[in-house]
Amino acid sequence: MTQPNNKMFDEFAKLMTDAADVAQGFKREADGVVKAQLERFLSDFDFVTRDEFDAVKAMAIKAREENEKLQERLIALEKTLQDKA
């Protein structure tokens, strides 16, 4: 009697394994479709890439630092001129 039960459990386990494989395949396919749709949607807008954003951010930081240095020099020059006057 154990033989028919084992075969039934084996068939059930195989069915569950196959169902899990189908579910994983469906998930991969759905992820791919969603990613493609999102990329298509975002490409319609004029977004910048992360690399472009990081490059502009670095340029802005450098410009701010240079501006602060120039401001310090200007203040020092103005003080020098006031001291001479």
Protein backbone atom coordinates (compact mmCIF):
# COMPACT_ATOMS: atom_id res chain seq x y z
CA MET A 1 0.00 0.00 0.00
CA THR A 2 2.86 2.39 0.50
CA GLN A 3 3.78 2.17 -3.18
CA PRO A 4 0.72 4.03 -4.56
CA ASN A 5 1.07 6.73 -1.88
CA ASN A 6 4.74 7.24 -2.69
CA LYS A 7 3.98 7.52 -6.37
CA MET A 8 1.20 10.00 -5.64
CA PHE A 9 3.53 12.08 -3.45
CA ASP A 10 6.25 11.92 -6.10
CA GLU A 11 3.82 13.13 -8.76
CA PHE A 12 2.58 15.87 -6.46
CA ALA A 13 6.16 16.97 -5.67
CA LYS A 14 6.96 17.02 -9.40
CA LEU A 15 3.84 19.08 -10.06
CA MET A 16 4.82 21.57 -7.34
CA THR A 17 8.37 21.78 -8.68
CA ASP A 18 7.07 22.42 -12.18
CA ALA A 19 4.66 25.04 -10.84
CA ALA A 20 7.51 26.77 -8.99
CA ASP A 21 9.61 26.77 -12.17
CA VAL A 22 6.72 28.26 -14.14
CA ALA A 23 6.21 30.92 -11.46
CA GLN A 24 9.92 31.84 -11.53
CA GLY A 25 9.86 32.01 -15.32
CA PHE A 26 6.79 34.21 -15.20
CA LYS A 27 8.46 36.49 -12.64
CA ARG A 28 11.57 36.85 -14.82
CA GLU A 29 9.42 37.59 -17.86
CA ALA A 30 7.28 40.09 -15.95
CA ASP A 31 10.39 41.81 -14.57
CA GLY A 32 11.79 42.11 -18.08
CA VAL A 33 8.57 43.55 -19.45
CA VAL A 34 8.26 46.05 -16.59
CA LYS A 35 11.89 47.10 -16.97
CA ALA A 36 11.50 47.57 -20.74
CA GLN A 37 8.31 49.59 -20.28
CA LEU A 38 9.93 51.74 -17.59
CA GLU A 39 13.00 52.37 -19.74
CA ARG A 40 10.77 53.32 -22.67
CA PHE A 41 8.71 55.63 -20.45
CA LEU A 42 11.78 57.31 -18.96
CA SER A 43 13.45 57.71 -22.35
CA ASP A 44 10.56 59.95 -23.38
CA PHE A 45 11.67 62.43 -20.73
CA ASP A 46 14.90 64.39 -20.76
CA PHE A 47 16.45 62.85 -17.65
CA VAL A 48 20.19 62.86 -17.09
CA THR A 49 22.16 59.77 -16.24
CA ARG A 50 23.68 59.31 -12.79
CA ASP A 51 27.16 59.83 -14.28
CA GLU A 52 26.10 63.13 -15.84
CA PHE A 53 24.50 64.24 -12.58
CA ASP A 54 27.62 63.35 -10.58
CA ALA A 55 29.85 65.22 -13.05
CA VAL A 56 27.75 68.40 -12.85
CA LYS A 57 27.56 68.10 -9.06
CA ALA A 58 31.38 67.89 -8.87
CA MET A 59 31.67 70.93 -11.14
CA ALA A 60 29.25 72.89 -8.91
CA ILE A 61 31.21 71.98 -5.77
CA LYS A 62 34.47 73.04 -7.41
CA ALA A 63 32.94 76.32 -8.61
CA ARG A 64 31.59 77.05 -5.12
CA GLU A 65 35.02 76.41 -3.57
CA GLU A 66 36.71 78.67 -6.13
CA ASN A 67 34.08 81.35 -5.51
CA GLU A 68 34.75 81.22 -1.75
CA LYS A 69 38.52 81.55 -2.33
CA LEU A 70 37.99 84.53 -4.65
CA GLN A 71 35.68 86.14 -2.11
CA GLU A 72 38.36 85.76 0.59
CA ARG A 73 40.96 87.32 -1.73
CA LEU A 74 38.63 90.20 -2.55
CA ILE A 75 38.00 90.88 1.12
CA ALA A 76 41.76 90.82 1.78
CA LEU A 77 42.42 93.21 -1.13
CA GLU A 78 39.67 95.59 0.02
CA LYS A 79 41.14 95.57 3.53
CA THR A 80 44.59 96.28 2.13
CA LEU A 81 43.21 99.23 0.14
CA GLN A 82 41.37 100.58 3.19
CA ASP A 83 44.53 100.32 5.30
CA LYS A 84 46.52 102.30 2.71
CA ALA A 85 43.89 105.02 2.49
